[in-house]
N, C-alpha and C. Protein backbone atom coordinates (compact mmCIF):
# COMPACT_ATOMS: atom_id res chain seq x y z
N MET A 1 27.83 7.46 6.12
CA MET A 1 28.15 7.65 7.51
C MET A 1 26.88 7.66 8.36
N LYS A 2 25.85 8.30 7.84
CA LYS A 2 24.59 8.39 8.57
C LYS A 2 24.00 7.00 8.79
N TYR A 3 24.05 6.16 7.75
CA TYR A 3 23.50 4.82 7.87
C TYR A 3 24.31 3.95 8.82
N LEU A 4 25.59 4.18 8.89
CA LEU A 4 26.44 3.43 9.82
C LEU A 4 26.06 3.77 11.26
N LEU A 5 25.82 5.04 11.53
CA LEU A 5 25.43 5.44 12.88
C LEU A 5 24.06 4.87 13.26
N ILE A 6 23.14 4.86 12.32
CA ILE A 6 21.82 4.29 12.58
C ILE A 6 21.94 2.80 12.84
N PHE A 7 22.76 2.12 12.04
CA PHE A 7 22.96 0.69 12.23
C PHE A 7 23.58 0.40 13.59
N LEU A 8 24.57 1.19 14.00
CA LEU A 8 25.20 0.98 15.29
C LEU A 8 24.22 1.24 16.44
N LEU A 9 23.36 2.23 16.29
CA LEU A 9 22.35 2.51 17.31
C LEU A 9 21.37 1.35 17.45
N VAL A 10 20.91 0.82 16.33
CA VAL A 10 19.98 -0.31 16.36
C VAL A 10 20.67 -1.54 16.94
N LEU A 11 21.92 -1.75 16.57
CA LEU A 11 22.66 -2.89 17.10
C LEU A 11 22.84 -2.76 18.61
N ALA A 12 23.13 -1.56 19.09
CA ALA A 12 23.28 -1.34 20.53
C ALA A 12 21.97 -1.60 21.26
N ILE A 13 20.86 -1.14 20.70
CA ILE A 13 19.55 -1.39 21.33
C ILE A 13 19.26 -2.88 21.37
N PHE A 14 19.57 -3.59 20.28
CA PHE A 14 19.32 -5.02 20.25
C PHE A 14 20.19 -5.75 21.28
N ILE A 15 21.45 -5.38 21.39
CA ILE A 15 22.34 -6.02 22.36
C ILE A 15 21.88 -5.75 23.78
N ILE A 16 21.46 -4.53 24.06
CA ILE A 16 20.96 -4.20 25.39
C ILE A 16 19.70 -4.99 25.70
N SER A 17 18.80 -5.11 24.74
CA SER A 17 17.56 -5.85 24.99
C SER A 17 17.84 -7.33 25.21
N VAL A 18 18.77 -7.91 24.46
CA VAL A 18 19.10 -9.32 24.66
C VAL A 18 19.79 -9.51 26.00
N THR A 19 20.66 -8.57 26.37
CA THR A 19 21.36 -8.66 27.65
C THR A 19 20.38 -8.57 28.82
N LEU A 20 19.47 -7.62 28.75
CA LEU A 20 18.48 -7.50 29.82
C LEU A 20 17.56 -8.72 29.87
N GLY A 21 17.22 -9.25 28.72
CA GLY A 21 16.38 -10.43 28.69
C GLY A 21 17.09 -11.67 29.16
N ALA A 22 18.38 -11.77 28.94
CA ALA A 22 19.14 -12.94 29.34
C ALA A 22 19.28 -13.03 30.86
N HIS A 23 19.24 -11.90 31.52
CA HIS A 23 19.35 -11.91 32.98
C HIS A 23 18.03 -12.31 33.65
N ASN A 24 16.98 -12.36 32.90
CA ASN A 24 15.68 -12.74 33.45
C ASN A 24 15.19 -13.96 32.70
N ASP A 25 15.38 -15.13 33.28
CA ASP A 25 14.99 -16.39 32.63
C ASP A 25 13.59 -16.82 33.00
N GLN A 26 12.80 -15.91 33.45
CA GLN A 26 11.44 -16.24 33.85
C GLN A 26 10.63 -16.65 32.62
N VAL A 27 9.80 -17.67 32.76
CA VAL A 27 8.95 -18.14 31.68
C VAL A 27 7.59 -17.46 31.83
N VAL A 28 7.12 -16.87 30.73
CA VAL A 28 5.83 -16.19 30.75
C VAL A 28 4.91 -16.82 29.70
N THR A 29 3.63 -16.67 29.92
CA THR A 29 2.64 -17.14 28.95
C THR A 29 2.30 -15.99 28.03
N PHE A 30 2.49 -16.22 26.73
CA PHE A 30 2.24 -15.19 25.73
C PHE A 30 1.01 -15.59 24.92
N ASN A 31 -0.03 -14.78 25.00
CA ASN A 31 -1.26 -15.04 24.26
C ASN A 31 -1.21 -14.30 22.93
N TYR A 32 -1.31 -15.01 21.85
CA TYR A 32 -1.41 -14.37 20.54
C TYR A 32 -2.72 -14.77 19.91
N LEU A 33 -2.96 -14.38 18.70
CA LEU A 33 -4.29 -14.41 18.10
C LEU A 33 -5.00 -15.76 18.21
N LEU A 34 -4.36 -16.83 17.84
CA LEU A 34 -5.03 -18.12 17.79
C LEU A 34 -4.66 -19.08 18.91
N ALA A 35 -3.58 -18.83 19.58
CA ALA A 35 -3.13 -19.76 20.61
C ALA A 35 -2.32 -19.01 21.65
N GLN A 36 -1.68 -19.77 22.50
CA GLN A 36 -0.79 -19.18 23.48
C GLN A 36 0.41 -20.11 23.66
N GLY A 37 1.48 -19.53 24.11
CA GLY A 37 2.68 -20.32 24.32
C GLY A 37 3.44 -19.81 25.52
N GLN A 38 4.32 -20.65 26.03
CA GLN A 38 5.15 -20.25 27.15
C GLN A 38 6.58 -20.07 26.64
N TYR A 39 7.10 -18.86 26.85
CA TYR A 39 8.42 -18.51 26.35
C TYR A 39 9.22 -17.85 27.46
N ARG A 40 10.53 -17.94 27.33
CA ARG A 40 11.40 -17.17 28.22
C ARG A 40 11.32 -15.71 27.79
N ILE A 41 11.46 -14.82 28.73
CA ILE A 41 11.35 -13.40 28.43
C ILE A 41 12.43 -12.97 27.44
N SER A 42 13.64 -13.51 27.56
CA SER A 42 14.72 -13.12 26.65
C SER A 42 14.39 -13.50 25.21
N THR A 43 13.86 -14.70 25.02
CA THR A 43 13.49 -15.14 23.67
C THR A 43 12.34 -14.31 23.12
N LEU A 44 11.35 -14.07 23.94
CA LEU A 44 10.20 -13.29 23.51
C LEU A 44 10.61 -11.86 23.16
N LEU A 45 11.48 -11.28 23.97
CA LEU A 45 11.96 -9.92 23.72
C LEU A 45 12.72 -9.83 22.40
N ALA A 46 13.60 -10.79 22.15
CA ALA A 46 14.38 -10.79 20.92
C ALA A 46 13.49 -11.00 19.69
N ILE A 47 12.54 -11.90 19.78
CA ILE A 47 11.65 -12.18 18.64
C ILE A 47 10.77 -10.97 18.33
N LEU A 48 10.19 -10.37 19.36
CA LEU A 48 9.32 -9.22 19.13
C LEU A 48 10.11 -8.00 18.64
N PHE A 49 11.32 -7.81 19.13
CA PHE A 49 12.14 -6.71 18.64
C PHE A 49 12.48 -6.91 17.17
N ALA A 50 12.89 -8.12 16.80
CA ALA A 50 13.23 -8.41 15.41
C ALA A 50 12.01 -8.26 14.51
N ALA A 51 10.85 -8.73 14.96
CA ALA A 51 9.63 -8.61 14.16
C ALA A 51 9.25 -7.14 13.97
N GLY A 52 9.36 -6.34 15.01
CA GLY A 52 9.06 -4.91 14.89
C GLY A 52 10.06 -4.19 14.00
N PHE A 53 11.32 -4.58 14.10
CA PHE A 53 12.35 -3.97 13.26
C PHE A 53 12.11 -4.28 11.79
N ILE A 54 11.82 -5.53 11.49
CA ILE A 54 11.56 -5.93 10.10
C ILE A 54 10.30 -5.28 9.58
N LEU A 55 9.25 -5.24 10.38
CA LEU A 55 8.01 -4.60 9.97
C LEU A 55 8.20 -3.10 9.73
N GLY A 56 8.96 -2.45 10.59
CA GLY A 56 9.24 -1.02 10.41
C GLY A 56 10.02 -0.76 9.13
N TRP A 57 11.04 -1.57 8.84
CA TRP A 57 11.81 -1.40 7.62
C TRP A 57 10.96 -1.68 6.39
N ALA A 58 10.06 -2.66 6.49
CA ALA A 58 9.19 -2.97 5.34
C ALA A 58 8.26 -1.79 5.04
N ILE A 59 7.68 -1.21 6.08
CA ILE A 59 6.78 -0.07 5.88
C ILE A 59 7.55 1.13 5.33
N CYS A 60 8.70 1.42 5.90
CA CYS A 60 9.51 2.54 5.39
C CYS A 60 9.97 2.28 3.96
N GLY A 61 10.31 1.03 3.66
CA GLY A 61 10.72 0.66 2.31
C GLY A 61 9.61 0.86 1.30
N LEU A 62 8.38 0.53 1.69
CA LEU A 62 7.25 0.74 0.79
C LEU A 62 7.01 2.22 0.52
N PHE A 63 7.10 3.05 1.55
CA PHE A 63 6.95 4.49 1.35
C PHE A 63 8.08 5.04 0.48
N TRP A 64 9.30 4.58 0.71
CA TRP A 64 10.45 5.03 -0.08
C TRP A 64 10.27 4.62 -1.53
N LEU A 65 9.81 3.39 -1.76
CA LEU A 65 9.59 2.92 -3.12
C LEU A 65 8.51 3.74 -3.82
N ARG A 66 7.46 4.07 -3.09
CA ARG A 66 6.39 4.89 -3.67
C ARG A 66 6.91 6.27 -4.07
N VAL A 67 7.74 6.86 -3.24
CA VAL A 67 8.31 8.17 -3.55
C VAL A 67 9.25 8.08 -4.75
N ARG A 68 10.06 7.02 -4.82
CA ARG A 68 10.99 6.86 -5.94
C ARG A 68 10.23 6.68 -7.26
N VAL A 69 9.16 5.90 -7.25
CA VAL A 69 8.36 5.70 -8.46
C VAL A 69 7.72 7.02 -8.88
N SER A 70 7.20 7.77 -7.92
CA SER A 70 6.60 9.06 -8.21
C SER A 70 7.64 10.03 -8.77
N LEU A 71 8.84 10.01 -8.21
CA LEU A 71 9.91 10.87 -8.71
C LEU A 71 10.31 10.50 -10.13
N ALA A 72 10.43 9.23 -10.42
CA ALA A 72 10.79 8.78 -11.77
C ALA A 72 9.70 9.19 -12.77
N HIS A 73 8.45 9.05 -12.37
CA HIS A 73 7.34 9.45 -13.25
C HIS A 73 7.38 10.94 -13.52
N SER A 74 7.64 11.73 -12.47
CA SER A 74 7.71 13.19 -12.63
C SER A 74 8.89 13.60 -13.50
N GLN A 75 10.02 12.93 -13.36
CA GLN A 75 11.19 13.26 -14.18
C GLN A 75 10.93 12.93 -15.65
N ARG A 76 10.27 11.81 -15.93
CA ARG A 76 9.93 11.48 -17.32
C ARG A 76 8.97 12.51 -17.89
N LYS A 77 7.99 12.92 -17.10
CA LYS A 77 7.03 13.92 -17.56
C LYS A 77 7.72 15.26 -17.81
N LEU A 78 8.63 15.64 -16.92
CA LEU A 78 9.37 16.89 -17.08
C LEU A 78 10.24 16.85 -18.33
N LYS A 79 10.90 15.74 -18.58
CA LYS A 79 11.75 15.61 -19.76
C LYS A 79 10.91 15.70 -21.03
N ARG A 80 9.74 15.05 -21.02
CA ARG A 80 8.85 15.11 -22.18
C ARG A 80 8.36 16.53 -22.43
N LEU A 81 8.01 17.25 -21.37
CA LEU A 81 7.54 18.64 -21.52
C LEU A 81 8.67 19.55 -22.00
N GLN A 82 9.89 19.31 -21.53
CA GLN A 82 11.02 20.11 -21.99
C GLN A 82 11.31 19.86 -23.46
N GLN A 83 11.17 18.62 -23.90
CA GLN A 83 11.36 18.32 -25.32
C GLN A 83 10.29 19.00 -26.17
N GLN A 84 9.04 18.97 -25.70
CA GLN A 84 7.97 19.63 -26.44
C GLN A 84 8.20 21.14 -26.48
N LEU A 85 8.65 21.72 -25.40
CA LEU A 85 8.92 23.14 -25.35
C LEU A 85 10.09 23.49 -26.28
N GLY A 86 11.11 22.65 -26.31
CA GLY A 86 12.24 22.88 -27.20
C GLY A 86 11.85 22.80 -28.66
N GLN A 87 10.97 21.87 -29.01
CA GLN A 87 10.50 21.74 -30.39
C GLN A 87 9.62 22.93 -30.77
N ALA A 88 8.85 23.43 -29.83
CA ALA A 88 7.97 24.56 -30.13
C ALA A 88 8.76 25.86 -30.28
N GLU A 89 9.89 26.00 -29.62
CA GLU A 89 10.67 27.23 -29.68
C GLU A 89 11.54 27.31 -30.93
N GLU A 90 11.92 26.21 -31.54
CA GLU A 90 12.80 26.24 -32.71
C GLU A 90 12.22 27.03 -33.87
N PRO A 91 10.99 26.79 -34.30
CA PRO A 91 10.45 27.59 -35.41
C PRO A 91 10.27 29.05 -35.03
N VAL A 92 9.95 29.35 -33.80
CA VAL A 92 9.75 30.72 -33.37
C VAL A 92 11.07 31.48 -33.45
N ASN A 93 12.16 30.88 -33.05
CA ASN A 93 13.46 31.54 -33.09
C ASN A 93 13.91 31.78 -34.54
N ALA A 94 13.64 30.88 -35.43
CA ALA A 94 14.07 31.02 -36.82
C ALA A 94 13.26 32.11 -37.53
N SER A 95 11.97 32.27 -37.26
CA SER A 95 11.15 33.23 -37.95
C SER A 95 11.20 34.62 -37.30
N SER A 96 11.74 34.73 -36.12
CA SER A 96 11.77 36.03 -35.47
C SER A 96 12.94 36.88 -35.91
N VAL A 97 13.84 36.36 -36.72
CA VAL A 97 14.98 37.14 -37.22
C VAL A 97 14.49 38.01 -38.39
N PRO A 98 14.68 39.31 -38.32
CA PRO A 98 14.20 40.18 -39.41
C PRO A 98 15.03 39.95 -40.68
N ALA A 99 14.36 40.01 -41.80
CA ALA A 99 15.00 39.77 -43.10
C ALA A 99 15.16 41.07 -43.86
N ILE A 100 15.33 42.19 -43.18
CA ILE A 100 15.44 43.51 -43.83
C ILE A 100 16.92 43.82 -44.04
N LYS A 101 17.24 44.26 -45.28
CA LYS A 101 18.62 44.68 -45.59
C LYS A 101 18.67 46.19 -45.66
N GLU A 102 19.73 46.74 -45.20
CA GLU A 102 19.89 48.19 -45.29
C GLU A 102 21.07 48.54 -46.11
């Protein structure tokens, strides 16, 4: 449900930006690193919004992937330590029972 609301919010922002850009057909000169081009504001707005959206998701995805890998590594380490602890406790439990008869 949370992801659906986020998706709808992003879709609404995109639709509003395209709508606002479509009402302004003015051509502007856009200077980028190696060259420049003349674009309509609506096209430029849509392209830059999509590029920012994709870049943001890529960065968040990389952080999420890093956390998931770290979590998997920690879970494997925890499982290994629990197995070692379980193996170490077995002989202790067996020898701690007193063998005295009354």
